[in-house]
Amino acid sequence: MPVDISDYIDVKQRALELGCNVPTELAILPRNFDVAKSKDELVHQNPAPTIRVLWRRAGISETRIEKEGDRFSYVKEKEFGGWLGPVIFIGSSLLKQNSEAVSLALEVISNHLAGWYSVIGGEQKVKLDIVVEQTEGGGYKRIEYEGDVEGLKELPPIVRRVGGYE
Protein backbone atom coordinates (compact mmCIF):
# COMPACT_ATOMS: atom_id res chain seq x y z
CA MET A 1 0.00 0.00 0.00
CA PRO A 2 1.43 3.41 -0.99
CA VAL A 3 1.59 5.03 2.48
CA ASP A 4 4.33 7.11 4.06
CA ILE A 5 4.28 7.94 7.78
CA SER A 6 6.32 10.80 9.21
CA ASP A 7 6.46 13.14 12.20
CA TYR A 8 4.30 16.25 12.06
CA ILE A 9 4.32 19.54 13.96
CA ASP A 10 2.41 20.13 17.21
CA VAL A 11 -1.04 20.95 15.80
CA LYS A 12 -2.38 22.52 19.00
CA GLN A 13 0.62 24.82 19.40
CA ARG A 14 0.58 25.76 15.70
CA ALA A 15 -3.14 26.57 15.76
CA LEU A 16 -2.60 28.86 18.74
CA GLU A 17 0.40 30.55 17.06
CA LEU A 18 -1.70 31.26 13.95
CA GLY A 19 -4.73 32.48 15.91
CA CYS A 20 -6.92 29.56 14.82
CA ASN A 21 -9.28 27.30 16.71
CA VAL A 22 -7.53 24.23 18.10
CA PRO A 23 -8.90 21.07 16.44
CA THR A 24 -9.83 18.35 18.90
CA GLU A 25 -11.53 15.54 17.01
CA LEU A 26 -11.97 15.69 13.22
CA ALA A 27 -10.90 18.72 11.18
CA ILE A 28 -9.68 19.82 7.80
CA LEU A 29 -6.32 21.55 8.01
CA PRO A 30 -5.06 24.01 5.40
CA ARG A 31 -2.53 22.37 3.11
CA ASN A 32 0.21 24.74 4.27
CA PHE A 33 -0.69 24.66 7.97
CA ASP A 34 2.80 23.52 8.93
CA VAL A 35 4.70 26.21 6.99
CA ALA A 36 2.50 29.32 6.71
CA LYS A 37 4.00 32.42 8.32
CA SER A 38 0.59 33.84 9.24
CA LYS A 39 -3.10 32.99 9.22
CA ASP A 40 -3.52 35.14 6.08
CA GLU A 41 -1.34 32.67 4.12
CA LEU A 42 -3.42 29.59 4.96
CA VAL A 43 -5.07 27.83 2.00
CA HIS A 44 -7.30 24.77 1.72
CA GLN A 45 -7.28 22.25 -1.08
CA ASN A 46 -10.21 22.82 -3.43
CA PRO A 47 -12.21 19.70 -2.34
CA ALA A 48 -12.41 20.84 1.32
CA PRO A 49 -15.91 22.43 1.07
CA THR A 50 -17.30 19.34 -0.68
CA ILE A 51 -15.88 17.05 2.01
CA ARG A 52 -17.42 19.25 4.71
CA VAL A 53 -20.85 19.03 3.08
CA LEU A 54 -20.57 15.26 2.66
CA TRP A 55 -19.55 14.81 6.30
CA ARG A 56 -22.42 17.00 7.51
CA ARG A 57 -24.92 14.98 5.46
CA ALA A 58 -23.52 11.79 7.01
CA GLY A 59 -23.86 13.22 10.53
CA ILE A 60 -20.11 13.60 11.04
CA SER A 61 -19.07 16.67 13.02
CA GLU A 62 -15.94 18.62 12.28
CA THR A 63 -14.00 21.05 14.45
CA ARG A 64 -13.27 23.97 12.13
CA ILE A 65 -9.92 25.63 12.70
CA GLU A 66 -11.26 28.82 11.13
CA LYS A 67 -12.60 31.20 13.74
CA GLU A 68 -16.00 32.81 13.22
CA GLY A 69 -15.68 35.20 10.27
CA ASP A 70 -12.36 33.80 9.02
CA ARG A 71 -12.20 32.72 5.38
CA PHE A 72 -9.23 30.83 3.97
CA SER A 73 -8.53 30.70 0.26
CA TYR A 74 -8.89 27.54 -1.80
CA VAL A 75 -6.40 26.26 -4.33
CA LYS A 76 -6.50 23.51 -6.93
CA GLU A 77 -3.21 21.98 -7.97
CA LYS A 78 -3.14 20.77 -11.54
CA GLU A 79 0.17 18.91 -11.64
CA PHE A 80 -1.05 15.90 -9.63
CA GLY A 81 -3.33 14.50 -12.34
CA GLY A 82 -5.90 13.02 -9.96
CA TRP A 83 -7.93 13.95 -6.90
CA LEU A 84 -5.83 15.86 -4.39
CA GLY A 85 -7.66 15.87 -1.10
CA PRO A 86 -7.48 18.14 1.91
CA VAL A 87 -5.33 17.47 4.97
CA ILE A 88 -7.54 15.66 7.48
CA PHE A 89 -6.80 15.95 11.20
CA ILE A 90 -7.85 13.16 13.56
CA GLY A 91 -7.58 13.90 17.27
CA SER A 92 -6.74 11.31 19.90
CA SER A 93 -10.06 11.96 21.66
CA LEU A 94 -11.95 10.87 18.53
CA LEU A 95 -9.85 7.72 18.25
CA LYS A 96 -10.43 6.96 21.93
CA GLN A 97 -14.15 7.70 22.08
CA ASN A 98 -15.37 6.84 18.57
CA SER A 99 -12.78 5.26 16.28
CA GLU A 100 -15.58 4.14 13.95
CA ALA A 101 -16.10 7.82 13.04
CA VAL A 102 -12.69 7.69 11.34
CA SER A 103 -13.84 4.77 9.21
CA LEU A 104 -17.09 6.55 8.37
CA ALA A 105 -15.35 9.84 7.47
CA LEU A 106 -12.99 8.05 5.08
CA GLU A 107 -15.78 5.88 3.69
CA VAL A 108 -17.79 9.00 2.83
CA ILE A 109 -14.81 10.34 0.88
CA SER A 110 -14.20 6.98 -0.81
CA ASN A 111 -17.85 6.63 -1.89
CA HIS A 112 -17.90 10.17 -3.23
CA LEU A 113 -14.74 9.58 -5.25
CA ALA A 114 -15.95 6.24 -6.59
CA GLY A 115 -19.04 8.00 -7.93
CA TRP A 116 -17.01 10.93 -9.23
CA TYR A 117 -14.56 8.68 -11.10
CA SER A 118 -17.40 6.60 -12.55
CA VAL A 119 -18.68 9.80 -14.20
CA ILE A 120 -15.40 11.33 -15.39
CA GLY A 121 -13.56 8.06 -16.06
CA GLY A 122 -9.80 7.79 -16.20
CA GLU A 123 -7.27 6.47 -13.72
CA GLN A 124 -8.59 6.62 -10.16
CA LYS A 125 -5.58 8.39 -8.66
CA VAL A 126 -6.00 9.85 -5.15
CA LYS A 127 -3.68 11.72 -2.81
CA LEU A 128 -4.75 12.35 0.78
CA ASP A 129 -2.83 13.37 3.91
CA ILE A 130 -4.06 12.52 7.39
CA VAL A 131 -2.55 14.03 10.53
CA VAL A 132 -3.08 11.88 13.61
CA GLU A 133 -2.68 12.98 17.21
CA GLN A 134 -0.99 10.18 19.13
CA THR A 135 -2.22 9.04 22.52
CA GLU A 136 1.24 8.19 23.83
CA GLY A 137 3.44 11.23 24.28
CA GLY A 138 0.97 13.54 22.55
CA GLY A 139 2.96 13.79 19.30
CA TYR A 140 1.55 14.02 15.81
CA LYS A 141 2.14 11.87 12.73
CA ARG A 142 1.35 12.50 9.08
CA ILE A 143 0.07 9.63 6.95
CA GLU A 144 0.51 10.38 3.26
CA TYR A 145 -1.57 8.18 0.96
CA GLU A 146 -1.23 8.08 -2.79
CA GLY A 147 -3.03 5.38 -4.74
CA ASP A 148 -6.44 4.39 -6.01
CA VAL A 149 -9.85 5.01 -4.44
CA GLU A 150 -10.12 1.42 -3.14
CA GLY A 151 -6.97 1.90 -1.07
CA LEU A 152 -8.71 4.51 1.10
CA LYS A 153 -10.59 1.64 2.76
CA GLU A 154 -7.28 0.34 4.13
CA LEU A 155 -6.48 3.58 5.98
CA PRO A 156 -8.64 3.37 9.18
CA PRO A 157 -6.58 0.56 10.79
CA ILE A 158 -3.39 2.44 9.92
CA VAL A 159 -4.81 5.60 11.53
CA ARG A 160 -5.72 3.65 14.69
CA ARG A 161 -2.28 2.02 14.86
CA VAL A 162 -0.43 5.31 14.32
CA GLY A 163 -2.65 6.96 16.94
CA GLY A 164 -1.87 4.21 19.44
CA TYR A 165 -5.22 2.42 19.46
CA GLU A 166 -4.40 -0.89 17.80
C-alpha atoms as a PDB file:
ATOM      1  CA  MET A   1       0.000   0.000   0.000  1.00  0.00           C
ATOM      2  CA  PRO A   2       1.427   3.409  -0.986  1.00  0.00           C
ATOM      3  CA  VAL A   3       1.589   5.026   2.478  1.00  0.00           C
ATOM      4  CA  ASP A   4       4.333   7.115   4.064  1.00  0.00           C
ATOM      5  CA  ILE A   5       4.283   7.939   7.776  1.00  0.00           C
ATOM      6  CA  SER A   6       6.324  10.800   9.211  1.00  0.00           C
ATOM      7  CA  ASP A   7       6.458  13.138  12.203  1.00  0.00           C
ATOM      8  CA  TYR A   8       4.302  16.253  12.065  1.00  0.00           C
ATOM      9  CA  ILE A   9       4.323  19.544  13.963  1.00  0.00           C
ATOM     10  CA  ASP A  10       2.406  20.133  17.210  1.00  0.00           C
ATOM     11  CA  VAL A  11      -1.041  20.955  15.795  1.00  0.00           C
ATOM     12  CA  LYS A  12      -2.380  22.519  19.001  1.00  0.00           C
ATOM     13  CA  GLN A  13       0.617  24.818  19.398  1.00  0.00           C
ATOM     14  CA  ARG A  14       0.583  25.764  15.700  1.00  0.00           C
ATOM     15  CA  ALA A  15      -3.145  26.574  15.761  1.00  0.00           C
ATOM     16  CA  LEU A  16      -2.599  28.865  18.741  1.00  0.00           C
ATOM     17  CA  GLU A  17       0.402  30.553  17.056  1.00  0.00           C
ATOM     18  CA  LEU A  18      -1.696  31.255  13.953  1.00  0.00           C
ATOM     19  CA  GLY A  19      -4.730  32.477  15.907  1.00  0.00           C
ATOM     20  CA  CYS A  20      -6.916  29.557  14.819  1.00  0.00           C
ATOM     21  CA  ASN A  21      -9.284  27.298  16.711  1.00  0.00           C
ATOM     22  CA  VAL A  22      -7.534  24.228  18.100  1.00  0.00           C
ATOM     23  CA  PRO A  23      -8.903  21.075  16.445  1.00  0.00           C
ATOM     24  CA  THR A  24      -9.826  18.350  18.899  1.00  0.00           C
ATOM     25  CA  GLU A  25     -11.526  15.544  17.005  1.00  0.00           C
ATOM     26  CA  LEU A  26     -11.975  15.687  13.219  1.00  0.00           C
ATOM     27  CA  ALA A  27     -10.900  18.716  11.184  1.00  0.00           C
ATOM     28  CA  ILE A  28      -9.676  19.824   7.799  1.00  0.00           C
ATOM     29  CA  LEU A  29      -6.319  21.553   8.012  1.00  0.00           C
ATOM     30  CA  PRO A  30      -5.065  24.009   5.405  1.00  0.00           C
ATOM     31  CA  ARG A  31      -2.532  22.368   3.106  1.00  0.00           C
ATOM     32  CA  ASN A  32       0.213  24.739   4.270  1.00  0.00           C
ATOM     33  CA  PHE A  33      -0.688  24.660   7.972  1.00  0.00           C
ATOM     34  CA  ASP A  34       2.795  23.517   8.934  1.00  0.00           C
ATOM     35  CA  VAL A  35       4.705  26.206   6.993  1.00  0.00           C
ATOM     36  CA  ALA A  36       2.495  29.316   6.713  1.00  0.00           C
ATOM     37  CA  LYS A  37       3.998  32.417   8.315  1.00  0.00           C
ATOM     38  CA  SER A  38       0.591  33.843   9.244  1.00  0.00           C
ATOM     39  CA  LYS A  39      -3.105  32.993   9.222  1.00  0.00           C
ATOM     40  CA  ASP A  40      -3.516  35.141   6.078  1.00  0.00           C
ATOM     41  CA  GLU A  41      -1.336  32.673   4.120  1.00  0.00           C
ATOM     42  CA  LEU A  42      -3.419  29.589   4.961  1.00  0.00           C
ATOM     43  CA  VAL A  43      -5.073  27.833   1.998  1.00  0.00           C
ATOM     44  CA  HIS A  44      -7.297  24.772   1.724  1.00  0.00           C
ATOM     45  CA  GLN A  45      -7.285  22.248  -1.080  1.00  0.00           C
ATOM     46  CA  ASN A  46     -10.206  22.821  -3.431  1.00  0.00           C
ATOM     47  CA  PRO A  47     -12.214  19.704  -2.337  1.00  0.00           C
ATOM     48  CA  ALA A  48     -12.414  20.836   1.323  1.00  0.00           C
ATOM     49  CA  PRO A  49     -15.913  22.426   1.072  1.00  0.00           C
ATOM     50  CA  THR A  50     -17.299  19.341  -0.676  1.00  0.00           C
ATOM     51  CA  ILE A  51     -15.879  17.054   2.009  1.00  0.00           C
ATOM     52  CA  ARG A  52     -17.416  19.251   4.711  1.00  0.00           C
ATOM     53  CA  VAL A  53     -20.852  19.027   3.075  1.00  0.00           C
ATOM     54  CA  LEU A  54     -20.574  15.255   2.659  1.00  0.00           C
ATOM     55  CA  TRP A  55     -19.548  14.811   6.299  1.00  0.00           C
ATOM     56  CA  ARG A  56     -22.423  17.000   7.512  1.00  0.00           C
ATOM     57  CA  ARG A  57     -24.921  14.980   5.461  1.00  0.00           C
ATOM     58  CA  ALA A  58     -23.516  11.789   7.013  1.00  0.00           C
ATOM     59  CA  GLY A  59     -23.864  13.220  10.529  1.00  0.00           C
ATOM     60  CA  ILE A  60     -20.111  13.604  11.038  1.00  0.00           C
ATOM     61  CA  SER A  61     -19.066  16.671  13.020  1.00  0.00           C
ATOM     62  CA  GLU A  62     -15.938  18.617  12.281  1.00  0.00           C
ATOM     63  CA  THR A  63     -14.004  21.049  14.449  1.00  0.00           C
ATOM     64  CA  ARG A  64     -13.266  23.970  12.127  1.00  0.00           C
ATOM     65  CA  ILE A  65      -9.924  25.633  12.704  1.00  0.00           C
ATOM     66  CA  GLU A  66     -11.257  28.821  11.130  1.00  0.00           C
ATOM     67  CA  LYS A  67     -12.595  31.199  13.735  1.00  0.00           C
ATOM     68  CA  GLU A  68     -16.002  32.814  13.225  1.00  0.00           C
ATOM     69  CA  GLY A  69     -15.678  35.199  10.273  1.00  0.00           C
ATOM     70  CA  ASP A  70     -12.356  33.800   9.021  1.00  0.00           C
ATOM     71  CA  ARG A  71     -12.197  32.720   5.378  1.00  0.00           C
ATOM     72  CA  PHE A  72      -9.230  30.827   3.973  1.00  0.00           C
ATOM     73  CA  SER A  73      -8.526  30.703   0.258  1.00  0.00           C
ATOM     74  CA  TYR A  74      -8.891  27.542  -1.802  1.00  0.00           C
ATOM     75  CA  VAL A  75      -6.397  26.258  -4.332  1.00  0.00           C
ATOM     76  CA  LYS A  76      -6.502  23.514  -6.929  1.00  0.00           C
ATOM     77  CA  GLU A  77      -3.212  21.977  -7.968  1.00  0.00           C
ATOM     78  CA  LYS A  78      -3.137  20.769 -11.541  1.00  0.00           C
ATOM     79  CA  GLU A  79       0.165  18.910 -11.636  1.00  0.00           C
ATOM     80  CA  PHE A  80      -1.047  15.902  -9.627  1.00  0.00           C
ATOM     81  CA  GLY A  81      -3.333  14.504 -12.341  1.00  0.00           C
ATOM     82  CA  GLY A  82      -5.904  13.018  -9.958  1.00  0.00           C
ATOM     83  CA  TRP A  83      -7.930  13.949  -6.900  1.00  0.00           C
ATOM     84  CA  LEU A  84      -5.831  15.860  -4.394  1.00  0.00           C
ATOM     85  CA  GLY A  85      -7.657  15.868  -1.102  1.00  0.00           C
ATOM     86  CA  PRO A  86      -7.485  18.138   1.907  1.00  0.00           C
ATOM     87  CA  VAL A  87      -5.333  17.474   4.973  1.00  0.00           C
ATOM     88  CA  ILE A  88      -7.537  15.662   7.475  1.00  0.00           C
ATOM     89  CA  PHE A  89      -6.804  15.953  11.197  1.00  0.00           C
ATOM     90  CA  ILE A  90      -7.851  13.156  13.561  1.00  0.00           C
ATOM     91  CA  GLY A  91      -7.581  13.899  17.266  1.00  0.00           C
ATOM     92  CA  SER A  92      -6.742  11.312  19.897  1.00  0.00           C
ATOM     93  CA  SER A  93     -10.060  11.965  21.664  1.00  0.00           C
ATOM     94  CA  LEU A  94     -11.952  10.869  18.533  1.00  0.00           C
ATOM     95  CA  LEU A  95      -9.847   7.718  18.253  1.00  0.00           C
ATOM     96  CA  LYS A  96     -10.431   6.964  21.931  1.00  0.00           C
ATOM     97  CA  GLN A  97     -14.155   7.702  22.078  1.00  0.00           C
ATOM     98  CA  ASN A  98     -15.372   6.839  18.566  1.00  0.00           C
ATOM     99  CA  SER A  99     -12.782   5.264  16.282  1.00  0.00           C
ATOM    100  CA  GLU A 100     -15.583   4.143  13.948  1.00  0.00           C
ATOM    101  CA  ALA A 101     -16.102   7.815  13.044  1.00  0.00           C
ATOM    102  CA  VAL A 102     -12.691   7.689  11.345  1.00  0.00           C
ATOM    103  CA  SER A 103     -13.837   4.769   9.205  1.00  0.00           C
ATOM    104  CA  LEU A 104     -17.094   6.553   8.374  1.00  0.00           C
ATOM    105  CA  ALA A 105     -15.353   9.837   7.474  1.00  0.00           C
ATOM    106  CA  LEU A 106     -12.987   8.054   5.075  1.00  0.00           C
ATOM    107  CA  GLU A 107     -15.775   5.877   3.688  1.00  0.00           C
ATOM    108  CA  VAL A 108     -17.790   8.995   2.834  1.00  0.00           C
ATOM    109  CA  ILE A 109     -14.807  10.340   0.881  1.00  0.00           C
ATOM    110  CA  SER A 110     -14.202   6.979  -0.808  1.00  0.00           C
ATOM    111  CA  ASN A 111     -17.847   6.626  -1.887  1.00  0.00           C
ATOM    112  CA  HIS A 112     -17.896  10.171  -3.227  1.00  0.00           C
ATOM    113  CA  LEU A 113     -14.742   9.576  -5.246  1.00  0.00           C
ATOM    114  CA  ALA A 114     -15.948   6.236  -6.593  1.00  0.00           C
ATOM    115  CA  GLY A 115     -19.045   8.005  -7.928  1.00  0.00           C
ATOM    116  CA  TRP A 116     -17.010  10.930  -9.228  1.00  0.00           C
ATOM    117  CA  TYR A 117     -14.559   8.685 -11.101  1.00  0.00           C
ATOM    118  CA  SER A 118     -17.400   6.602 -12.551  1.00  0.00           C
ATOM    119  CA  VAL A 119     -18.680   9.804 -14.196  1.00  0.00           C
ATOM    120  CA  ILE A 120     -15.402  11.329 -15.386  1.00  0.00           C
ATOM    121  CA  GLY A 121     -13.559   8.057 -16.059  1.00  0.00           C
ATOM    122  CA  GLY A 122      -9.796   7.785 -16.200  1.00  0.00           C
ATOM    123  CA  GLU A 123      -7.271   6.469 -13.721  1.00  0.00           C
ATOM    124  CA  GLN A 124      -8.586   6.624 -10.159  1.00  0.00           C
ATOM    125  CA  LYS A 125      -5.581   8.387  -8.659  1.00  0.00           C
ATOM    126  CA  VAL A 126      -6.001   9.854  -5.152  1.00  0.00           C
ATOM    127  CA  LYS A 127      -3.683  11.722  -2.808  1.00  0.00           C
ATOM    128  CA  LEU A 128      -4.749  12.347   0.781  1.00  0.00           C
ATOM    129  CA  ASP A 129      -2.832  13.371   3.908  1.00  0.00           C
ATOM    130  CA  ILE A 130      -4.060  12.515   7.390  1.00  0.00           C
ATOM    131  CA  VAL A 131      -2.549  14.033  10.533  1.00  0.00           C
ATOM    132  CA  VAL A 132      -3.083  11.880  13.605  1.00  0.00           C
ATOM    133  CA  GLU A 133      -2.676  12.980  17.210  1.00  0.00           C
ATOM    134  CA  GLN A 134      -0.991  10.180  19.130  1.00  0.00           C
ATOM    135  CA  THR A 135      -2.216   9.043  22.517  1.00  0.00           C
ATOM    136  CA  GLU A 136       1.241   8.190  23.830  1.00  0.00           C
ATOM    137  CA  GLY A 137       3.440  11.234  24.283  1.00  0.00           C
ATOM    138  CA  GLY A 138       0.970  13.545  22.545  1.00  0.00           C
ATOM    139  CA  GLY A 139       2.963  13.793  19.302  1.00  0.00           C
ATOM    140  CA  TYR A 140       1.551  14.020  15.811  1.00  0.00           C
ATOM    141  CA  LYS A 141       2.139  11.868  12.734  1.00  0.00           C
ATOM    142  CA  ARG A 142       1.346  12.501   9.085  1.00  0.00           C
ATOM    143  CA  ILE A 143       0.068   9.632   6.954  1.00  0.00           C
ATOM    144  CA  GLU A 144       0.507  10.377   3.256  1.00  0.00           C
ATOM    145  CA  TYR A 145      -1.571   8.181   0.964  1.00  0.00           C
ATOM    146  CA  GLU A 146      -1.229   8.077  -2.795  1.00  0.00           C
ATOM    147  CA  GLY A 147      -3.031   5.377  -4.736  1.00  0.00           C
ATOM    148  CA  ASP A 148      -6.436   4.391  -6.007  1.00  0.00           C
ATOM    149  CA  VAL A 149      -9.851   5.005  -4.436  1.00  0.00           C
ATOM    150  CA  GLU A 150     -10.119   1.422  -3.139  1.00  0.00           C
ATOM    151  CA  GLY A 151      -6.967   1.902  -1.065  1.00  0.00           C
ATOM    152  CA  LEU A 152      -8.713   4.512   1.095  1.00  0.00           C
ATOM    153  CA  LYS A 153     -10.586   1.641   2.756  1.00  0.00           C
ATOM    154  CA  GLU A 154      -7.277   0.343   4.128  1.00  0.00           C
ATOM    155  CA  LEU A 155      -6.479   3.583   5.982  1.00  0.00           C
ATOM    156  CA  PRO A 156      -8.641   3.368   9.176  1.00  0.00           C
ATOM    157  CA  PRO A 157      -6.583   0.558  10.787  1.00  0.00           C
ATOM    158  CA  ILE A 158      -3.387   2.443   9.920  1.00  0.00           C
ATOM    159  CA  VAL A 159      -4.805   5.596  11.531  1.00  0.00           C
ATOM    160  CA  ARG A 160      -5.724   3.651  14.692  1.00  0.00           C
ATOM    161  CA  ARG A 161      -2.283   2.019  14.858  1.00  0.00           C
ATOM    162  CA  VAL A 162      -0.433   5.305  14.321  1.00  0.00           C
ATOM    163  CA  GLY A 163      -2.647   6.959  16.940  1.00  0.00           C
ATOM    164  CA  GLY A 164      -1.869   4.214  19.442  1.00  0.00           C
ATOM    165  CA  TYR A 165      -5.224   2.416  19.456  1.00  0.00           C
ATOM    166  CA  GLU A 166      -4.401  -0.886  17.803  1.00  0.00           C
END
